[in-house]
Amino acid sequence: MLPTAWEFQNRLTAILNGARQRGKSYVDIESDNLHKQVGEFPNSNSRMPVCCEVMRRMMRTGDSVLTEPMSDQGAKLIIRYLV
């Protein structure tokens, strides 16, 4: 079964909450790592566009895109989230 936006959002929320509990001021999330944690990647049924969309949607004031793939929805999207 393919990962859903909800699953990406829940995993990203868990990562951010874990970083906050450990006293981190920020956490850098790379789209391919998030995708691997939620579902197999790479494969022919990749949900990378959904993963990247969720990552961008969850950005808040102060968060920043560190690396942006040429396709805008690739495996090398890295976002720094302030926690």
PDB file of N, CA and C in Angstrom:
ATOM      1  N   MET A   1       0.842  -1.183   0.000  1.00  0.00           N
ATOM      2  CA  MET A   1       0.000   0.000   0.000  1.00  0.00           C
ATOM      3  C   MET A   1       0.885   1.243   0.000  1.00  0.00           C
ATOM      4  N   LEU A   2       0.535   2.207  -0.811  1.00  0.00           N
ATOM      5  CA  LEU A   2       1.320   3.421  -0.925  1.00  0.00           C
ATOM      6  C   LEU A   2       1.116   4.330   0.280  1.00  0.00           C
ATOM      7  N   PRO A   3       2.183   4.998   0.733  1.00  0.00           N
ATOM      8  CA  PRO A   3       2.039   5.922   1.857  1.00  0.00           C
ATOM      9  C   PRO A   3       1.121   7.093   1.490  1.00  0.00           C
ATOM     10  N   THR A   4       0.393   7.558   2.467  1.00  0.00           N
ATOM     11  CA  THR A   4      -0.527   8.679   2.268  1.00  0.00           C
ATOM     12  C   THR A   4       0.071   9.966   2.826  1.00  0.00           C
ATOM     13  N   ALA A   5      -0.523  11.088   2.458  1.00  0.00           N
ATOM     14  CA  ALA A   5      -0.096  12.377   2.996  1.00  0.00           C
ATOM     15  C   ALA A   5      -0.197  12.368   4.524  1.00  0.00           C
ATOM     16  N   TRP A   6      -1.247  11.758   5.024  1.00  0.00           N
ATOM     17  CA  TRP A   6      -1.450  11.677   6.468  1.00  0.00           C
ATOM     18  C   TRP A   6      -0.280  10.958   7.146  1.00  0.00           C
ATOM     19  N   GLU A   7       0.204   9.876   6.532  1.00  0.00           N
ATOM     20  CA  GLU A   7       1.327   9.128   7.104  1.00  0.00           C
ATOM     21  C   GLU A   7       2.617   9.950   7.091  1.00  0.00           C
ATOM     22  N   PHE A   8       2.857  10.688   6.010  1.00  0.00           N
ATOM     23  CA  PHE A   8       4.034  11.562   5.974  1.00  0.00           C
ATOM     24  C   PHE A   8       3.925  12.646   7.043  1.00  0.00           C
ATOM     25  N   GLN A   9       2.755  13.227   7.163  1.00  0.00           N
ATOM     26  CA  GLN A   9       2.548  14.281   8.156  1.00  0.00           C
ATOM     27  C   GLN A   9       2.739  13.754   9.573  1.00  0.00           C
ATOM     28  N   ASN A  10       2.197  12.593   9.868  1.00  0.00           N
ATOM     29  CA  ASN A  10       2.342  12.014  11.209  1.00  0.00           C
ATOM     30  C   ASN A  10       3.795  11.708  11.532  1.00  0.00           C
ATOM     31  N   ARG A  11       4.527  11.174  10.568  1.00  0.00           N
ATOM     32  CA  ARG A  11       5.942  10.849  10.810  1.00  0.00           C
ATOM     33  C   ARG A  11       6.757  12.119  11.000  1.00  0.00           C
ATOM     34  N   LEU A  12       6.513  13.130  10.182  1.00  0.00           N
ATOM     35  CA  LEU A  12       7.231  14.391  10.324  1.00  0.00           C
ATOM     36  C   LEU A  12       6.909  15.048  11.658  1.00  0.00           C
ATOM     37  N   THR A  13       5.663  15.012  12.070  1.00  0.00           N
ATOM     38  CA  THR A  13       5.273  15.549  13.376  1.00  0.00           C
ATOM     39  C   THR A  13       5.996  14.813  14.499  1.00  0.00           C
ATOM     40  N   ALA A  14       6.102  13.501  14.398  1.00  0.00           N
ATOM     41  CA  ALA A  14       6.802  12.709  15.418  1.00  0.00           C
ATOM     42  C   ALA A  14       8.288  13.091  15.469  1.00  0.00           C
ATOM     43  N   ILE A  15       8.904  13.298  14.318  1.00  0.00           N
ATOM     44  CA  ILE A  15      10.319  13.699  14.280  1.00  0.00           C
ATOM     45  C   ILE A  15      10.501  15.064  14.939  1.00  0.00           C
ATOM     46  N   LEU A  16       9.626  16.005  14.596  1.00  0.00           N
ATOM     47  CA  LEU A  16       9.717  17.347  15.177  1.00  0.00           C
ATOM     48  C   LEU A  16       9.489  17.323  16.685  1.00  0.00           C
ATOM     49  N   ASN A  17       8.511  16.550  17.139  1.00  0.00           N
ATOM     50  CA  ASN A  17       8.244  16.437  18.576  1.00  0.00           C
ATOM     51  C   ASN A  17       9.426  15.797  19.304  1.00  0.00           C
ATOM     52  N   GLY A  18      10.032  14.781  18.693  1.00  0.00           N
ATOM     53  CA  GLY A  18      11.194  14.132  19.299  1.00  0.00           C
ATOM     54  C   GLY A  18      12.364  15.093  19.426  1.00  0.00           C
ATOM     55  N   ALA A  19      12.601  15.901  18.406  1.00  0.00           N
ATOM     56  CA  ALA A  19      13.681  16.889  18.454  1.00  0.00           C
ATOM     57  C   ALA A  19      13.413  17.929  19.535  1.00  0.00           C
ATOM     58  N   ARG A  20      12.164  18.348  19.656  1.00  0.00           N
ATOM     59  CA  ARG A  20      11.777  19.317  20.688  1.00  0.00           C
ATOM     60  C   ARG A  20      12.021  18.733  22.081  1.00  0.00           C
ATOM     61  N   GLN A  21      11.647  17.482  22.283  1.00  0.00           N
ATOM     62  CA  GLN A  21      11.824  16.834  23.585  1.00  0.00           C
ATOM     63  C   GLN A  21      13.294  16.662  23.932  1.00  0.00           C
ATOM     64  N   ARG A  22      14.151  16.515  22.930  1.00  0.00           N
ATOM     65  CA  ARG A  22      15.591  16.379  23.172  1.00  0.00           C
ATOM     66  C   ARG A  22      16.284  17.736  23.309  1.00  0.00           C
ATOM     67  N   GLY A  23      15.519  18.810  23.227  1.00  0.00           N
ATOM     68  CA  GLY A  23      16.065  20.136  23.415  1.00  0.00           C
ATOM     69  C   GLY A  23      16.754  20.727  22.197  1.00  0.00           C
ATOM     70  N   LYS A  24      16.489  20.174  21.029  1.00  0.00           N
ATOM     71  CA  LYS A  24      17.086  20.695  19.798  1.00  0.00           C
ATOM     72  C   LYS A  24      16.408  22.006  19.424  1.00  0.00           C
ATOM     73  N   SER A  25      17.154  22.903  18.789  1.00  0.00           N
ATOM     74  CA  SER A  25      16.564  24.160  18.342  1.00  0.00           C
ATOM     75  C   SER A  25      16.034  24.046  16.914  1.00  0.00           C
ATOM     76  N   TYR A  26      16.549  23.070  16.176  1.00  0.00           N
ATOM     77  CA  TYR A  26      16.077  22.840  14.819  1.00  0.00           C
ATOM     78  C   TYR A  26      16.367  21.397  14.422  1.00  0.00           C
ATOM     79  N   VAL A  27      15.736  20.977  13.338  1.00  0.00           N
ATOM     80  CA  VAL A  27      16.010  19.660  12.761  1.00  0.00           C
ATOM     81  C   VAL A  27      15.935  19.806  11.241  1.00  0.00           C
ATOM     82  N   ASP A  28      16.910  19.212  10.551  1.00  0.00           N
ATOM     83  CA  ASP A  28      16.932  19.208   9.092  1.00  0.00           C
ATOM     84  C   ASP A  28      16.334  17.893   8.605  1.00  0.00           C
ATOM     85  N   ILE A  29      15.341  17.993   7.752  1.00  0.00           N
ATOM     86  CA  ILE A  29      14.653  16.810   7.222  1.00  0.00           C
ATOM     87  C   ILE A  29      14.896  16.741   5.718  1.00  0.00           C
ATOM     88  N   GLU A  30      15.383  15.590   5.264  1.00  0.00           N
ATOM     89  CA  GLU A  30      15.582  15.353   3.841  1.00  0.00           C
ATOM     90  C   GLU A  30      14.450  14.462   3.338  1.00  0.00           C
ATOM     91  N   SER A  31      13.875  14.825   2.211  1.00  0.00           N
ATOM     92  CA  SER A  31      12.687  14.130   1.717  1.00  0.00           C
ATOM     93  C   SER A  31      12.909  12.634   1.504  1.00  0.00           C
ATOM     94  N   ASP A  32      14.085  12.241   1.004  1.00  0.00           N
ATOM     95  CA  ASP A  32      14.282  10.802   0.790  1.00  0.00           C
ATOM     96  C   ASP A  32      14.322  10.040   2.101  1.00  0.00           C
ATOM     97  N   ASN A  33      14.872  10.635   3.150  1.00  0.00           N
ATOM     98  CA  ASN A  33      14.897   9.972   4.460  1.00  0.00           C
ATOM     99  C   ASN A  33      13.495   9.844   5.047  1.00  0.00           C
ATOM    100  N   LEU A  34      12.712  10.912   4.926  1.00  0.00           N
ATOM    101  CA  LEU A  34      11.330  10.851   5.420  1.00  0.00           C
ATOM    102  C   LEU A  34      10.539   9.799   4.648  1.00  0.00           C
ATOM    103  N   HIS A  35      10.710   9.783   3.336  1.00  0.00           N
ATOM    104  CA  HIS A  35       9.981   8.815   2.513  1.00  0.00           C
ATOM    105  C   HIS A  35      10.359   7.383   2.902  1.00  0.00           C
ATOM    106  N   LYS A  36      11.637   7.125   3.150  1.00  0.00           N
ATOM    107  CA  LYS A  36      12.088   5.779   3.541  1.00  0.00           C
ATOM    108  C   LYS A  36      11.486   5.365   4.879  1.00  0.00           C
ATOM    109  N   GLN A  37      11.315   6.315   5.788  1.00  0.00           N
ATOM    110  CA  GLN A  37      10.750   5.985   7.097  1.00  0.00           C
ATOM    111  C   GLN A  37       9.269   5.641   7.011  1.00  0.00           C
ATOM    112  N   VAL A  38       8.598   6.212   6.031  1.00  0.00           N
ATOM    113  CA  VAL A  38       7.157   5.979   5.896  1.00  0.00           C
ATOM    114  C   VAL A  38       6.845   4.812   4.972  1.00  0.00           C
ATOM    115  N   GLY A  39       7.625   4.681   3.914  1.00  0.00           N
ATOM    116  CA  GLY A  39       7.386   3.611   2.954  1.00  0.00           C
ATOM    117  C   GLY A  39       8.596   3.423   2.078  1.00  0.00           C
ATOM    118  N   GLU A  40       8.649   2.317   1.391  1.00  0.00           N
ATOM    119  CA  GLU A  40       9.813   1.983   0.575  1.00  0.00           C
ATOM    120  C   GLU A  40      10.115   3.060  -0.450  1.00  0.00           C
ATOM    121  N   PHE A  41      11.388   3.354  -0.584  1.00  0.00           N
ATOM    122  CA  PHE A  41      11.866   4.305  -1.591  1.00  0.00           C
ATOM    123  C   PHE A  41      13.290   3.934  -1.912  1.00  0.00           C
ATOM    124  N   PRO A  42      13.779   3.940  -3.083  1.00  0.00           N
ATOM    125  CA  PRO A  42      12.991   4.235  -4.275  1.00  0.00           C
ATOM    126  C   PRO A  42      12.299   2.992  -4.797  1.00  0.00           C
ATOM    127  N   ASN A  43      11.231   3.207  -5.442  1.00  0.00           N
ATOM    128  CA  ASN A  43      10.543   2.147  -6.168  1.00  0.00           C
ATOM    129  C   ASN A  43       9.681   2.775  -7.248  1.00  0.00           C
ATOM    130  N   SER A  44       9.074   1.960  -8.041  1.00  0.00           N
ATOM    131  CA  SER A  44       8.310   2.483  -9.168  1.00  0.00           C
ATOM    132  C   SER A  44       7.034   3.203  -8.737  1.00  0.00           C
ATOM    133  N   ASN A  45       6.611   3.009  -7.502  1.00  0.00           N
ATOM    134  CA  ASN A  45       5.389   3.634  -7.012  1.00  0.00           C
ATOM    135  C   ASN A  45       5.685   4.729  -5.991  1.00  0.00           C
ATOM    136  N   SER A  46       6.769   5.430  -6.196  1.00  0.00           N
ATOM    137  CA  SER A  46       7.196   6.468  -5.263  1.00  0.00           C
ATOM    138  C   SER A  46       6.108   7.508  -5.030  1.00  0.00           C
ATOM    139  N   ARG A  47       6.013   7.929  -3.796  1.00  0.00           N
ATOM    140  CA  ARG A  47       5.079   8.988  -3.414  1.00  0.00           C
ATOM    141  C   ARG A  47       5.856  10.263  -3.073  1.00  0.00           C
ATOM    142  N   MET A  48       7.026  10.441  -3.678  1.00  0.00           N
ATOM    143  CA  MET A  48       7.862  11.585  -3.374  1.00  0.00           C
ATOM    144  C   MET A  48       7.147  12.919  -3.567  1.00  0.00           C
ATOM    145  N   PRO A  49       6.356  13.116  -4.614  1.00  0.00           N
ATOM    146  CA  PRO A  49       5.649  14.395  -4.726  1.00  0.00           C
ATOM    147  C   PRO A  49       4.754  14.685  -3.523  1.00  0.00           C
ATOM    148  N   VAL A  50       4.082  13.661  -3.008  1.00  0.00           N
ATOM    149  CA  VAL A  50       3.227  13.827  -1.827  1.00  0.00           C
ATOM    150  C   VAL A  50       4.084  14.144  -0.605  1.00  0.00           C
ATOM    151  N   CYS A  51       5.194  13.450  -0.457  1.00  0.00           N
ATOM    152  CA  CYS A  51       6.111  13.676   0.662  1.00  0.00           C
ATOM    153  C   CYS A  51       6.595  15.126   0.666  1.00  0.00           C
ATOM    154  N   CYS A  52       7.050  15.604  -0.479  1.00  0.00           N
ATOM    155  CA  CYS A  52       7.560  16.976  -0.580  1.00  0.00           C
ATOM    156  C   CYS A  52       6.455  17.999  -0.336  1.00  0.00           C
ATOM    157  N   GLU A  53       5.268  17.716  -0.833  1.00  0.00           N
ATOM    158  CA  GLU A  53       4.132  18.624  -0.613  1.00  0.00           C
ATOM    159  C   GLU A  53       3.834  18.753   0.876  1.00  0.00           C
ATOM    160  N   VAL A  54       3.838  17.639   1.589  1.00  0.00           N
ATOM    161  CA  VAL A  54       3.583  17.655   3.031  1.00  0.00           C
ATOM    162  C   VAL A  54       4.691  18.417   3.753  1.00  0.00           C
ATOM    163  N   MET A  55       5.938  18.166   3.364  1.00  0.00           N
ATOM    164  CA  MET A  55       7.050  18.870   4.005  1.00  0.00           C
ATOM    165  C   MET A  55       6.916  20.382   3.837  1.00  0.00           C
ATOM    166  N   ARG A  56       6.566  20.829   2.652  1.00  0.00           N
ATOM    167  CA  ARG A  56       6.404  22.269   2.405  1.00  0.00           C
ATOM    168  C   ARG A  56       5.197  22.827   3.148  1.00  0.00           C
ATOM    169  N   ARG A  57       4.115  22.074   3.164  1.00  0.00           N
ATOM    170  CA  ARG A  57       2.896  22.519   3.825  1.00  0.00           C
ATOM    171  C   ARG A  57       3.091  22.678   5.341  1.00  0.00           C
ATOM    172  N   MET A  58       3.989  21.876   5.906  1.00  0.00           N
ATOM    173  CA  MET A  58       4.201  21.925   7.352  1.00  0.00           C
ATOM    174  C   MET A  58       5.221  22.986   7.775  1.00  0.00           C
ATOM    175  N   MET A  59       5.764  23.721   6.815  1.00  0.00           N
ATOM    176  CA  MET A  59       6.697  24.790   7.161  1.00  0.00           C
ATOM    177  C   MET A  59       5.949  25.915   7.877  1.00  0.00           C
ATOM    178  N   ARG A  60       6.658  26.510   8.862  1.00  0.00           N
ATOM    179  CA  ARG A  60       6.120  27.642   9.607  1.00  0.00           C
ATOM    180  C   ARG A  60       7.099  28.803   9.489  1.00  0.00           C
ATOM    181  N   THR A  61       6.728  29.939  10.024  1.00  0.00           N
ATOM    182  CA  THR A  61       7.591  31.109  10.020  1.00  0.00           C
ATOM    183  C   THR A  61       8.927  30.746  10.655  1.00  0.00           C
ATOM    184  N   GLY A  62      10.012  31.065   9.965  1.00  0.00           N
ATOM    185  CA  GLY A  62      11.348  30.773  10.468  1.00  0.00           C
ATOM    186  C   GLY A  62      11.960  29.516   9.881  1.00  0.00           C
ATOM    187  N   ASP A  63      11.145  28.606   9.374  1.00  0.00           N
ATOM    188  CA  ASP A  63      11.658  27.400   8.713  1.00  0.00           C
ATOM    189  C   ASP A  63      12.237  27.798   7.361  1.00  0.00           C
ATOM    190  N   SER A  64      13.173  27.009   6.850  1.00  0.00           N
ATOM    191  CA  SER A  64      13.792  27.385   5.575  1.00  0.00           C
ATOM    192  C   SER A  64      14.138  26.151   4.743  1.00  0.00           C
ATOM    193  N   VAL A  65      14.089  26.341   3.437  1.00  0.00           N
ATOM    194  CA  VAL A  65      14.497  25.307   2.493  1.00  0.00           C
ATOM    195  C   VAL A  65      16.006  25.425   2.336  1.00  0.00           C
ATOM    196  N   LEU A  66      16.744  24.370   2.679  1.00  0.00           N
ATOM    197  CA  LEU A  66      18.200  24.372   2.569  1.00  0.00           C
ATOM    198  C   LEU A  66      18.660  23.906   1.202  1.00  0.00           C
ATOM    199  N   THR A  67      17.999  22.883   0.671  1.00  0.00           N
ATOM    200  CA  THR A  67      18.325  22.337  -0.646  1.00  0.00           C
ATOM    201  C   THR A  67      17.024  22.054  -1.375  1.00  0.00           C
ATOM    202  N   GLU A  68      16.968  22.503  -2.613  1.00  0.00           N
ATOM    203  CA  GLU A  68      15.765  22.309  -3.400  1.00  0.00           C
ATOM    204  C   GLU A  68      16.128  21.600  -4.691  1.00  0.00           C
ATOM    205  N   PRO A  69      15.532  20.446  -4.946  1.00  0.00           N
ATOM    206  CA  PRO A  69      15.836  19.721  -6.180  1.00  0.00           C
ATOM    207  C   PRO A  69      15.290  20.472  -7.392  1.00  0.00           C
ATOM    208  N   MET A  70      15.890  20.209  -8.530  1.00  0.00           N
ATOM    209  CA  MET A  70      15.462  20.878  -9.763  1.00  0.00           C
ATOM    210  C   MET A  70      13.999  20.594 -10.086  1.00  0.00           C
ATOM    211  N   SER A  71      13.537  19.403  -9.767  1.00  0.00           N
ATOM    212  CA  SER A  71      12.158  19.036 -10.091  1.00  0.00           C
ATOM    213  C   SER A  71      11.162  19.615  -9.093  1.00  0.00           C
ATOM    214  N   ASP A  72      11.635  20.198  -8.007  1.00  0.00           N
ATOM    215  CA  ASP A  72      10.808  20.783  -6.945  1.00  0.00           C
ATOM    216  C   ASP A  72      10.126  19.730  -6.080  1.00  0.00           C
ATOM    217  N   GLN A  73      10.178  18.466  -6.476  1.00  0.00           N
ATOM    218  CA  GLN A  73       9.550  17.408  -5.700  1.00  0.00           C
ATOM    219  C   GLN A  73      10.438  16.175  -5.678  1.00  0.00           C
ATOM    220  N   GLY A  74      11.735  16.375  -5.587  1.00  0.00           N
ATOM    221  CA  GLY A  74      12.664  15.270  -5.651  1.00  0.00           C
ATOM    222  C   GLY A  74      13.150  14.810  -4.298  1.00  0.00           C
ATOM    223  N   ALA A  75      14.020  13.816  -4.343  1.00  0.00           N
ATOM    224  CA  ALA A  75      14.497  13.144  -3.144  1.00  0.00           C
ATOM    225  C   ALA A  75      15.483  13.979  -2.333  1.00  0.00           C
ATOM    226  N   LYS A  76      15.951  15.077  -2.864  1.00  0.00           N
ATOM    227  CA  LYS A  76      16.964  15.867  -2.162  1.00  0.00           C
ATOM    228  C   LYS A  76      16.436  17.178  -1.596  1.00  0.00           C
ATOM    229  N   LEU A  77      15.138  17.270  -1.394  1.00  0.00           N
ATOM    230  CA  LEU A  77      14.571  18.436  -0.722  1.00  0.00           C
ATOM    231  C   LEU A  77      14.979  18.370   0.746  1.00  0.00           C
ATOM    232  N   ILE A  78      15.606  19.423   1.249  1.00  0.00           N
ATOM    233  CA  ILE A  78      15.983  19.481   2.664  1.00  0.00           C
ATOM    234  C   ILE A  78      15.399  20.761   3.251  1.00  0.00           C
ATOM    235  N   ILE A  79      14.642  20.594   4.319  1.00  0.00           N
ATOM    236  CA  ILE A  79      14.033  21.720   5.006  1.00  0.00           C
ATOM    237  C   ILE A  79      14.504  21.727   6.447  1.00  0.00           C
ATOM    238  N   ARG A  80      14.889  22.920   6.918  1.00  0.00           N
ATOM    239  CA  ARG A  80      15.239  23.096   8.338  1.00  0.00           C
ATOM    240  C   ARG A  80      14.004  23.611   9.058  1.00  0.00           C
ATOM    241  N   TYR A  81      13.517  22.803   9.989  1.00  0.00           N
ATOM    242  CA  TYR A  81      12.370  23.175  10.799  1.00  0.00           C
ATOM    243  C   TYR A  81      12.870  23.634  12.164  1.00  0.00           C
ATOM    244  N   LEU A  82      12.430  24.799  12.588  1.00  0.00           N
ATOM    245  CA  LEU A  82      12.724  25.245  13.943  1.00  0.00           C
ATOM    246  C   LEU A  82      11.753  24.551  14.901  1.00  0.00           C
ATOM    247  N   VAL A  83      12.279  24.098  16.024  1.00  0.00           N
ATOM    248  CA  VAL A  83      11.405  23.361  16.958  1.00  0.00           C
ATOM    249  C   VAL A  83      11.306  24.038  18.305  1.00  0.00           C
TER     250      VAL A  83
END
